[in-house]
Amino acid sequence: MKVRLHKSFIKQLFKKRPAEQSRFRERRDLFLISHLHPLLNNHALHGKYAGYRSFSVGGDLSVIYRQETRDLVTFVAIGTHHELYGS
């Protein structure tokens, strides 16, 4: 599977602390091996993000992504629950 990074995702990622960036890279690697691994808590989103999915990076940090094709996903956002969903 290939991962494309949306430009807003890149900006959000670089604003995260180094430990969060490192944890993201670890979870990204796990995602590439097994996107449904239980540690990721991968799930479909609803409402404003209908058609997107999310997985946990750890703590309160999550990634929102869109499945483009069978072999391509786009990471569109990374942030805390409040940053991503506003509550």
PDB file of N, CA and C in Angstrom:
ATOM      1  N   MET A   1       0.836  -1.176   0.000  1.00  0.00           N
ATOM      2  CA  MET A   1       0.000   0.000   0.000  1.00  0.00           C
ATOM      3  C   MET A   1       0.884   1.243   0.000  1.00  0.00           C
ATOM      4  N   LYS A   2       0.448   2.247  -0.744  1.00  0.00           N
ATOM      5  CA  LYS A   2       1.164   3.521  -0.796  1.00  0.00           C
ATOM      6  C   LYS A   2       0.376   4.573  -0.035  1.00  0.00           C
ATOM      7  N   VAL A   3       1.114   5.509   0.561  1.00  0.00           N
ATOM      8  CA  VAL A   3       0.508   6.595   1.317  1.00  0.00           C
ATOM      9  C   VAL A   3       0.895   7.928   0.685  1.00  0.00           C
ATOM     10  N   ARG A   4      -0.111   8.737   0.429  1.00  0.00           N
ATOM     11  CA  ARG A   4       0.110  10.103  -0.051  1.00  0.00           C
ATOM     12  C   ARG A   4      -0.237  11.036   1.112  1.00  0.00           C
ATOM     13  N   LEU A   5       0.534  12.087   1.295  1.00  0.00           N
ATOM     14  CA  LEU A   5       0.298  13.041   2.379  1.00  0.00           C
ATOM     15  C   LEU A   5      -0.285  14.332   1.809  1.00  0.00           C
ATOM     16  N   HIS A   6      -1.463  14.700   2.276  1.00  0.00           N
ATOM     17  CA  HIS A   6      -2.078  15.958   1.873  1.00  0.00           C
ATOM     18  C   HIS A   6      -1.242  17.105   2.437  1.00  0.00           C
ATOM     19  N   LYS A   7      -1.193  18.237   1.748  1.00  0.00           N
ATOM     20  CA  LYS A   7      -0.348  19.347   2.196  1.00  0.00           C
ATOM     21  C   LYS A   7      -0.750  19.848   3.578  1.00  0.00           C
ATOM     22  N   SER A   8      -2.031  19.828   3.909  1.00  0.00           N
ATOM     23  CA  SER A   8      -2.439  20.263   5.249  1.00  0.00           C
ATOM     24  C   SER A   8      -1.990  19.262   6.309  1.00  0.00           C
ATOM     25  N   PHE A   9      -1.951  17.971   5.956  1.00  0.00           N
ATOM     26  CA  PHE A   9      -1.455  16.955   6.874  1.00  0.00           C
ATOM     27  C   PHE A   9       0.018  17.216   7.205  1.00  0.00           C
ATOM     28  N   ILE A  10       0.795  17.530   6.195  1.00  0.00           N
ATOM     29  CA  ILE A  10       2.228  17.787   6.395  1.00  0.00           C
ATOM     30  C   ILE A  10       2.427  18.969   7.348  1.00  0.00           C
ATOM     31  N   LYS A  11       1.655  20.047   7.145  1.00  0.00           N
ATOM     32  CA  LYS A  11       1.759  21.214   8.027  1.00  0.00           C
ATOM     33  C   LYS A  11       1.402  20.835   9.464  1.00  0.00           C
ATOM     34  N   GLN A  12       0.319  20.076   9.634  1.00  0.00           N
ATOM     35  CA  GLN A  12      -0.111  19.667  10.973  1.00  0.00           C
ATOM     36  C   GLN A  12       0.940  18.781  11.629  1.00  0.00           C
ATOM     37  N   LEU A  13       1.508  17.858  10.872  1.00  0.00           N
ATOM     38  CA  LEU A  13       2.501  16.940  11.418  1.00  0.00           C
ATOM     39  C   LEU A  13       3.731  17.682  11.921  1.00  0.00           C
ATOM     40  N   PHE A  14       4.212  18.658  11.154  1.00  0.00           N
ATOM     41  CA  PHE A  14       5.416  19.374  11.559  1.00  0.00           C
ATOM     42  C   PHE A  14       5.196  20.283  12.764  1.00  0.00           C
ATOM     43  N   LYS A  15       3.945  20.554  13.104  1.00  0.00           N
ATOM     44  CA  LYS A  15       3.630  21.337  14.300  1.00  0.00           C
ATOM     45  C   LYS A  15       3.596  20.472  15.556  1.00  0.00           C
ATOM     46  N   LYS A  16       3.629  19.156  15.384  1.00  0.00           N
ATOM     47  CA  LYS A  16       3.598  18.233  16.523  1.00  0.00           C
ATOM     48  C   LYS A  16       4.986  18.136  17.150  1.00  0.00           C
ATOM     49  N   ARG A  17       4.996  17.774  18.429  1.00  0.00           N
ATOM     50  CA  ARG A  17       6.265  17.583  19.145  1.00  0.00           C
ATOM     51  C   ARG A  17       7.024  16.404  18.528  1.00  0.00           C
ATOM     52  N   PRO A  18       8.356  16.386  18.654  1.00  0.00           N
ATOM     53  CA  PRO A  18       9.155  15.293  18.083  1.00  0.00           C
ATOM     54  C   PRO A  18       8.694  13.906  18.540  1.00  0.00           C
ATOM     55  N   ALA A  19       8.302  13.759  19.804  1.00  0.00           N
ATOM     56  CA  ALA A  19       7.837  12.453  20.291  1.00  0.00           C
ATOM     57  C   ALA A  19       6.554  12.033  19.578  1.00  0.00           C
ATOM     58  N   GLU A  20       5.674  12.989  19.289  1.00  0.00           N
ATOM     59  CA  GLU A  20       4.432  12.675  18.573  1.00  0.00           C
ATOM     60  C   GLU A  20       4.733  12.315  17.120  1.00  0.00           C
ATOM     61  N   GLN A  21       5.681  13.010  16.520  1.00  0.00           N
ATOM     62  CA  GLN A  21       6.072  12.692  15.147  1.00  0.00           C
ATOM     63  C   GLN A  21       6.655  11.282  15.076  1.00  0.00           C
ATOM     64  N   SER A  22       7.464  10.934  16.056  1.00  0.00           N
ATOM     65  CA  SER A  22       8.062   9.606  16.110  1.00  0.00           C
ATOM     66  C   SER A  22       6.983   8.536  16.289  1.00  0.00           C
ATOM     67  N   ARG A  23       6.048   8.795  17.190  1.00  0.00           N
ATOM     68  CA  ARG A  23       4.951   7.847  17.419  1.00  0.00           C
ATOM     69  C   ARG A  23       4.110   7.701  16.155  1.00  0.00           C
ATOM     70  N   PHE A  24       3.890   8.807  15.425  1.00  0.00           N
ATOM     71  CA  PHE A  24       3.169   8.720  14.156  1.00  0.00           C
ATOM     72  C   PHE A  24       3.896   7.791  13.191  1.00  0.00           C
ATOM     73  N   ARG A  25       5.215   7.956  13.055  1.00  0.00           N
ATOM     74  CA  ARG A  25       5.972   7.115  12.113  1.00  0.00           C
ATOM     75  C   ARG A  25       5.861   5.645  12.482  1.00  0.00           C
ATOM     76  N   GLU A  26       5.887   5.332  13.783  1.00  0.00           N
ATOM     77  CA  GLU A  26       5.737   3.939  14.225  1.00  0.00           C
ATOM     78  C   GLU A  26       4.367   3.391  13.833  1.00  0.00           C
ATOM     79  N   ARG A  27       3.313   4.176  14.080  1.00  0.00           N
ATOM     80  CA  ARG A  27       1.958   3.720  13.752  1.00  0.00           C
ATOM     81  C   ARG A  27       1.733   3.684  12.245  1.00  0.00           C
ATOM     82  N   ARG A  28       2.346   4.601  11.501  1.00  0.00           N
ATOM     83  CA  ARG A  28       2.257   4.555  10.041  1.00  0.00           C
ATOM     84  C   ARG A  28       2.850   3.252   9.525  1.00  0.00           C
ATOM     85  N   ASP A  29       4.004   2.872  10.077  1.00  0.00           N
ATOM     86  CA  ASP A  29       4.641   1.632   9.649  1.00  0.00           C
ATOM     87  C   ASP A  29       3.762   0.430   9.972  1.00  0.00           C
ATOM     88  N   LEU A  30       3.130   0.429  11.149  1.00  0.00           N
ATOM     89  CA  LEU A  30       2.206  -0.643  11.511  1.00  0.00           C
ATOM     90  C   LEU A  30       1.008  -0.642  10.565  1.00  0.00           C
ATOM     91  N   PHE A  31       0.486   0.533  10.237  1.00  0.00           N
ATOM     92  CA  PHE A  31      -0.620   0.686   9.294  1.00  0.00           C
ATOM     93  C   PHE A  31      -0.269   0.058   7.946  1.00  0.00           C
ATOM     94  N   LEU A  32       0.951   0.283   7.481  1.00  0.00           N
ATOM     95  CA  LEU A  32       1.370  -0.256   6.184  1.00  0.00           C
ATOM     96  C   LEU A  32       1.482  -1.779   6.208  1.00  0.00           C
ATOM     97  N   ILE A  33       1.798  -2.344   7.363  1.00  0.00           N
ATOM     98  CA  ILE A  33       1.887  -3.801   7.502  1.00  0.00           C
ATOM     99  C   ILE A  33       0.503  -4.406   7.637  1.00  0.00           C
ATOM    100  N   SER A  34      -0.328  -3.799   8.496  1.00  0.00           N
ATOM    101  CA  SER A  34      -1.669  -4.335   8.775  1.00  0.00           C
ATOM    102  C   SER A  34      -2.577  -3.182   9.184  1.00  0.00           C
ATOM    103  N   HIS A  35      -3.293  -2.621   8.214  1.00  0.00           N
ATOM    104  CA  HIS A  35      -4.088  -1.421   8.490  1.00  0.00           C
ATOM    105  C   HIS A  35      -5.248  -1.660   9.465  1.00  0.00           C
ATOM    106  N   LEU A  36      -5.575  -2.920   9.731  1.00  0.00           N
ATOM    107  CA  LEU A  36      -6.634  -3.226  10.690  1.00  0.00           C
ATOM    108  C   LEU A  36      -6.089  -3.783  12.007  1.00  0.00           C
ATOM    109  N   HIS A  37      -4.812  -3.576  12.281  1.00  0.00           N
ATOM    110  CA  HIS A  37      -4.222  -4.039  13.535  1.00  0.00           C
ATOM    111  C   HIS A  37      -4.994  -3.419  14.704  1.00  0.00           C
ATOM    112  N   PRO A  38      -5.285  -4.210  15.748  1.00  0.00           N
ATOM    113  CA  PRO A  38      -6.080  -3.702  16.876  1.00  0.00           C
ATOM    114  C   PRO A  38      -5.493  -2.448  17.553  1.00  0.00           C
ATOM    115  N   LEU A  39      -4.180  -2.290  17.586  1.00  0.00           N
ATOM    116  CA  LEU A  39      -3.577  -1.100  18.199  1.00  0.00           C
ATOM    117  C   LEU A  39      -3.988   0.198  17.493  1.00  0.00           C
ATOM    118  N   LEU A  40      -4.348   0.089  16.226  1.00  0.00           N
ATOM    119  CA  LEU A  40      -4.687   1.277  15.448  1.00  0.00           C
ATOM    120  C   LEU A  40      -6.120   1.764  15.683  1.00  0.00           C
ATOM    121  N   ASN A  41      -6.978   0.887  16.172  1.00  0.00           N
ATOM    122  CA  ASN A  41      -8.395   1.253  16.357  1.00  0.00           C
ATOM    123  C   ASN A  41      -8.935   1.928  15.091  1.00  0.00           C
ATOM    124  N   ASN A  42      -8.667   1.326  13.942  1.00  0.00           N
ATOM    125  CA  ASN A  42      -9.077   1.851  12.648  1.00  0.00           C
ATOM    126  C   ASN A  42     -10.598   1.765  12.523  1.00  0.00           C
ATOM    127  N   HIS A  43     -11.246   2.880  12.163  1.00  0.00           N
ATOM    128  CA  HIS A  43     -12.697   2.876  12.062  1.00  0.00           C
ATOM    129  C   HIS A  43     -13.177   3.920  11.054  1.00  0.00           C
ATOM    130  N   ALA A  44     -14.375   3.663  10.531  1.00  0.00           N
ATOM    131  CA  ALA A  44     -15.016   4.587   9.598  1.00  0.00           C
ATOM    132  C   ALA A  44     -15.540   5.798  10.352  1.00  0.00           C
ATOM    133  N   LEU A  45     -15.548   6.939   9.672  1.00  0.00           N
ATOM    134  CA  LEU A  45     -16.065   8.168  10.258  1.00  0.00           C
ATOM    135  C   LEU A  45     -17.420   8.510   9.655  1.00  0.00           C
ATOM    136  N   HIS A  46     -18.136   9.398  10.333  1.00  0.00           N
ATOM    137  CA  HIS A  46     -19.484   9.773   9.911  1.00  0.00           C
ATOM    138  C   HIS A  46     -19.601  11.290   9.877  1.00  0.00           C
ATOM    139  N   GLY A  47     -20.765  11.762   9.459  1.00  0.00           N
ATOM    140  CA  GLY A  47     -21.026  13.195   9.451  1.00  0.00           C
ATOM    141  C   GLY A  47     -20.108  13.927   8.503  1.00  0.00           C
ATOM    142  N   LYS A  48     -19.459  14.961   9.008  1.00  0.00           N
ATOM    143  CA  LYS A  48     -18.566  15.805   8.207  1.00  0.00           C
ATOM    144  C   LYS A  48     -17.491  14.986   7.501  1.00  0.00           C
ATOM    145  N   TYR A  49     -17.060  13.883   8.118  1.00  0.00           N
ATOM    146  CA  TYR A  49     -15.996  13.049   7.556  1.00  0.00           C
ATOM    147  C   TYR A  49     -16.509  11.739   6.981  1.00  0.00           C
ATOM    148  N   ALA A  50     -17.761  11.701   6.574  1.00  0.00           N
ATOM    149  CA  ALA A  50     -18.306  10.490   5.943  1.00  0.00           C
ATOM    150  C   ALA A  50     -17.444  10.130   4.734  1.00  0.00           C
ATOM    151  N   GLY A  51     -17.101   8.861   4.605  1.00  0.00           N
ATOM    152  CA  GLY A  51     -16.246   8.412   3.510  1.00  0.00           C
ATOM    153  C   GLY A  51     -14.771   8.373   3.881  1.00  0.00           C
ATOM    154  N   TYR A  52     -14.430   8.871   5.071  1.00  0.00           N
ATOM    155  CA  TYR A  52     -13.062   8.847   5.567  1.00  0.00           C
ATOM    156  C   TYR A  52     -12.957   7.824   6.691  1.00  0.00           C
ATOM    157  N   ARG A  53     -11.733   7.501   7.038  1.00  0.00           N
ATOM    158  CA  ARG A  53     -11.462   6.597   8.147  1.00  0.00           C
ATOM    159  C   ARG A  53     -10.437   7.259   9.060  1.00  0.00           C
ATOM    160  N   SER A  54     -10.290   6.708  10.245  1.00  0.00           N
ATOM    161  CA  SER A  54      -9.341   7.244  11.213  1.00  0.00           C
ATOM    162  C   SER A  54      -8.629   6.104  11.909  1.00  0.00           C
ATOM    163  N   PHE A  55      -7.373   6.364  12.316  1.00  0.00           N
ATOM    164  CA  PHE A  55      -6.685   5.414  13.174  1.00  0.00           C
ATOM    165  C   PHE A  55      -5.935   6.169  14.258  1.00  0.00           C
ATOM    166  N   SER A  56      -5.729   5.479  15.364  1.00  0.00           N
ATOM    167  CA  SER A  56      -5.101   6.072  16.533  1.00  0.00           C
ATOM    168  C   SER A  56      -3.581   6.035  16.428  1.00  0.00           C
ATOM    169  N   VAL A  57      -2.968   7.161  16.783  1.00  0.00           N
ATOM    170  CA  VAL A  57      -1.513   7.243  16.854  1.00  0.00           C
ATOM    171  C   VAL A  57      -1.067   6.967  18.291  1.00  0.00           C
ATOM    172  N   GLY A  58      -1.978   7.130  19.213  1.00  0.00           N
ATOM    173  CA  GLY A  58      -1.693   6.932  20.632  1.00  0.00           C
ATOM    174  C   GLY A  58      -2.054   8.169  21.412  1.00  0.00           C
ATOM    175  N   GLY A  59      -2.402   7.977  22.668  1.00  0.00           N
ATOM    176  CA  GLY A  59      -2.877   9.100  23.453  1.00  0.00           C
ATOM    177  C   GLY A  59      -4.147   9.626  22.818  1.00  0.00           C
ATOM    178  N   ASP A  60      -4.236  10.928  22.631  1.00  0.00           N
ATOM    179  CA  ASP A  60      -5.411  11.545  22.018  1.00  0.00           C
ATOM    180  C   ASP A  60      -5.167  11.892  20.552  1.00  0.00           C
ATOM    181  N   LEU A  61      -4.080  11.404  19.970  1.00  0.00           N
ATOM    182  CA  LEU A  61      -3.690  11.770  18.611  1.00  0.00           C
ATOM    183  C   LEU A  61      -4.215  10.747  17.605  1.00  0.00           C
ATOM    184  N   SER A  62      -4.829  11.247  16.524  1.00  0.00           N
ATOM    185  CA  SER A  62      -5.383  10.377  15.477  1.00  0.00           C
ATOM    186  C   SER A  62      -5.048  10.917  14.100  1.00  0.00           C
ATOM    187  N   VAL A  63      -5.133  10.025  13.120  1.00  0.00           N
ATOM    188  CA  VAL A  63      -4.950  10.375  11.711  1.00  0.00           C
ATOM    189  C   VAL A  63      -6.267  10.119  10.993  1.00  0.00           C
ATOM    190  N   ILE A  64      -6.686  11.073  10.180  1.00  0.00           N
ATOM    191  CA  ILE A  64      -7.836  10.884   9.293  1.00  0.00           C
ATOM    192  C   ILE A  64      -7.281  10.639   7.898  1.00  0.00           C
ATOM    193  N   TYR A  65      -7.828   9.601   7.256  1.00  0.00           N
ATOM    194  CA  TYR A  65      -7.350   9.290   5.903  1.00  0.00           C
ATOM    195  C   TYR A  65      -8.504   8.892   4.997  1.00  0.00           C
ATOM    196  N   ARG A  66      -8.224   8.903   3.699  1.00  0.00           N
ATOM    197  CA  ARG A  66      -9.196   8.499   2.680  1.00  0.00           C
ATOM    198  C   ARG A  66      -8.574   7.397   1.839  1.00  0.00           C
ATOM    199  N   GLN A  67      -9.329   6.342   1.634  1.00  0.00           N
ATOM    200  CA  GLN A  67      -8.890   5.238   0.777  1.00  0.00           C
ATOM    201  C   GLN A  67      -9.160   5.660  -0.664  1.00  0.00           C
ATOM    202  N   GLU A  68      -8.114   5.921  -1.423  1.00  0.00           N
ATOM    203  CA  GLU A  68      -8.264   6.375  -2.812  1.00  0.00           C
ATOM    204  C   GLU A  68      -8.514   5.209  -3.756  1.00  0.00           C
ATOM    205  N   THR A  69      -7.666   4.200  -3.657  1.00  0.00           N
ATOM    206  CA  THR A  69      -7.800   2.967  -4.434  1.00  0.00           C
ATOM    207  C   THR A  69      -7.443   1.826  -3.494  1.00  0.00           C
ATOM    208  N   ARG A  70      -7.496   0.638  -4.001  1.00  0.00           N
ATOM    209  CA  ARG A  70      -7.143  -0.520  -3.174  1.00  0.00           C
ATOM    210  C   ARG A  70      -5.736  -0.386  -2.596  1.00  0.00           C
ATOM    211  N   ASP A  71      -4.838   0.233  -3.356  1.00  0.00           N
ATOM    212  CA  ASP A  71      -3.434   0.304  -2.965  1.00  0.00           C
ATOM    213  C   ASP A  71      -2.940   1.707  -2.608  1.00  0.00           C
ATOM    214  N   LEU A  72      -3.844   2.676  -2.498  1.00  0.00           N
ATOM    215  CA  LEU A  72      -3.427   4.050  -2.223  1.00  0.00           C
ATOM    216  C   LEU A  72      -4.357   4.702  -1.208  1.00  0.00           C
ATOM    217  N   VAL A  73      -3.752   5.300  -0.164  1.00  0.00           N
ATOM    218  CA  VAL A  73      -4.510   6.092   0.802  1.00  0.00           C
ATOM    219  C   VAL A  73      -3.887   7.489   0.878  1.00  0.00           C
ATOM    220  N   THR A  74      -4.716   8.458   1.252  1.00  0.00           N
ATOM    221  CA  THR A  74      -4.235   9.821   1.477  1.00  0.00           C
ATOM    222  C   THR A  74      -4.482  10.174   2.932  1.00  0.00           C
ATOM    223  N   PHE A  75      -3.408  10.492   3.654  1.00  0.00           N
ATOM    224  CA  PHE A  75      -3.537  10.988   5.012  1.00  0.00           C
ATOM    225  C   PHE A  75      -3.900  12.466   4.891  1.00  0.00           C
ATOM    226  N   VAL A  76      -5.061  12.843   5.424  1.00  0.00           N
ATOM    227  CA  VAL A  76      -5.541  14.213   5.233  1.00  0.00           C
ATOM    228  C   VAL A  76      -5.413  15.090   6.468  1.00  0.00           C
ATOM    229  N   ALA A  77      -5.395  14.497   7.670  1.00  0.00           N
ATOM    230  CA  ALA A  77      -5.297  15.310   8.891  1.00  0.00           C
ATOM    231  C   ALA A  77      -4.716  14.483  10.024  1.00  0.00           C
ATOM    232  N   ILE A  78      -4.021  15.167  10.936  1.00  0.00           N
ATOM    233  CA  ILE A  78      -3.517  14.549  12.158  1.00  0.00           C
ATOM    234  C   ILE A  78      -3.725  15.549  13.289  1.00  0.00           C
ATOM    235  N   GLY A  79      -4.241  15.058  14.408  1.00  0.00           N
ATOM    236  CA  GLY A  79      -4.456  15.954  15.531  1.00  0.00           C
ATOM    237  C   GLY A  79      -5.164  15.263  16.674  1.00  0.00           C
ATOM    238  N   THR A  80      -5.420  16.038  17.718  1.00  0.00           N
ATOM    239  CA  THR A  80      -6.178  15.529  18.852  1.00  0.00           C
ATOM    240  C   THR A  80      -7.651  15.471  18.463  1.00  0.00           C
ATOM    241  N   HIS A  81      -8.437  14.816  19.297  1.00  0.00           N
ATOM    242  CA  HIS A  81      -9.870  14.722  19.032  1.00  0.00           C
ATOM    243  C   HIS A  81     -10.465  16.122  18.887  1.00  0.00           C
ATOM    244  N   HIS A  82     -10.094  17.020  19.764  1.00  0.00           N
ATOM    245  CA  HIS A  82     -10.615  18.386  19.712  1.00  0.00           C
ATOM    246  C   HIS A  82     -10.167  19.105  18.434  1.00  0.00           C
ATOM    247  N   GLU A  83      -8.915  18.949  18.044  1.00  0.00           N
ATOM    248  CA  GLU A  83      -8.413  19.606  16.843  1.00  0.00           C
ATOM    249  C   GLU A  83      -9.123  19.095  15.590  1.00  0.00           C
ATOM    250  N   LEU A  84      -9.430  17.811  15.559  1.00  0.00           N
ATOM    251  CA  LEU A  84     -10.022  17.208  14.364  1.00  0.00           C
ATOM    252  C   LEU A  84     -11.540  17.347  14.309  1.00  0.00           C
ATOM    253  N   TYR A  85     -12.190  17.198  15.447  1.00  0.00           N
ATOM    254  CA  TYR A  85     -13.648  17.137  15.456  1.00  0.00           C
ATOM    255  C   TYR A  85     -14.299  18.295  16.204  1.00  0.00           C
ATOM    256  N   GLY A  86     -13.500  19.109  16.882  1.00  0.00           N
ATOM    257  CA  GLY A  86     -14.013  20.267  17.552  1.00  0.00           C
ATOM    258  C   GLY A  86     -14.736  20.020  18.862  1.00  0.00           C
ATOM    259  N   SER A  87     -14.652  18.800  19.386  1.00  0.00           N
ATOM    260  CA  SER A  87     -15.285  18.541  20.682  1.00  0.00           C
ATOM    261  C   SER A  87     -14.523  17.498  21.439  1.00  0.00           C
TER     262      SER A  87
END
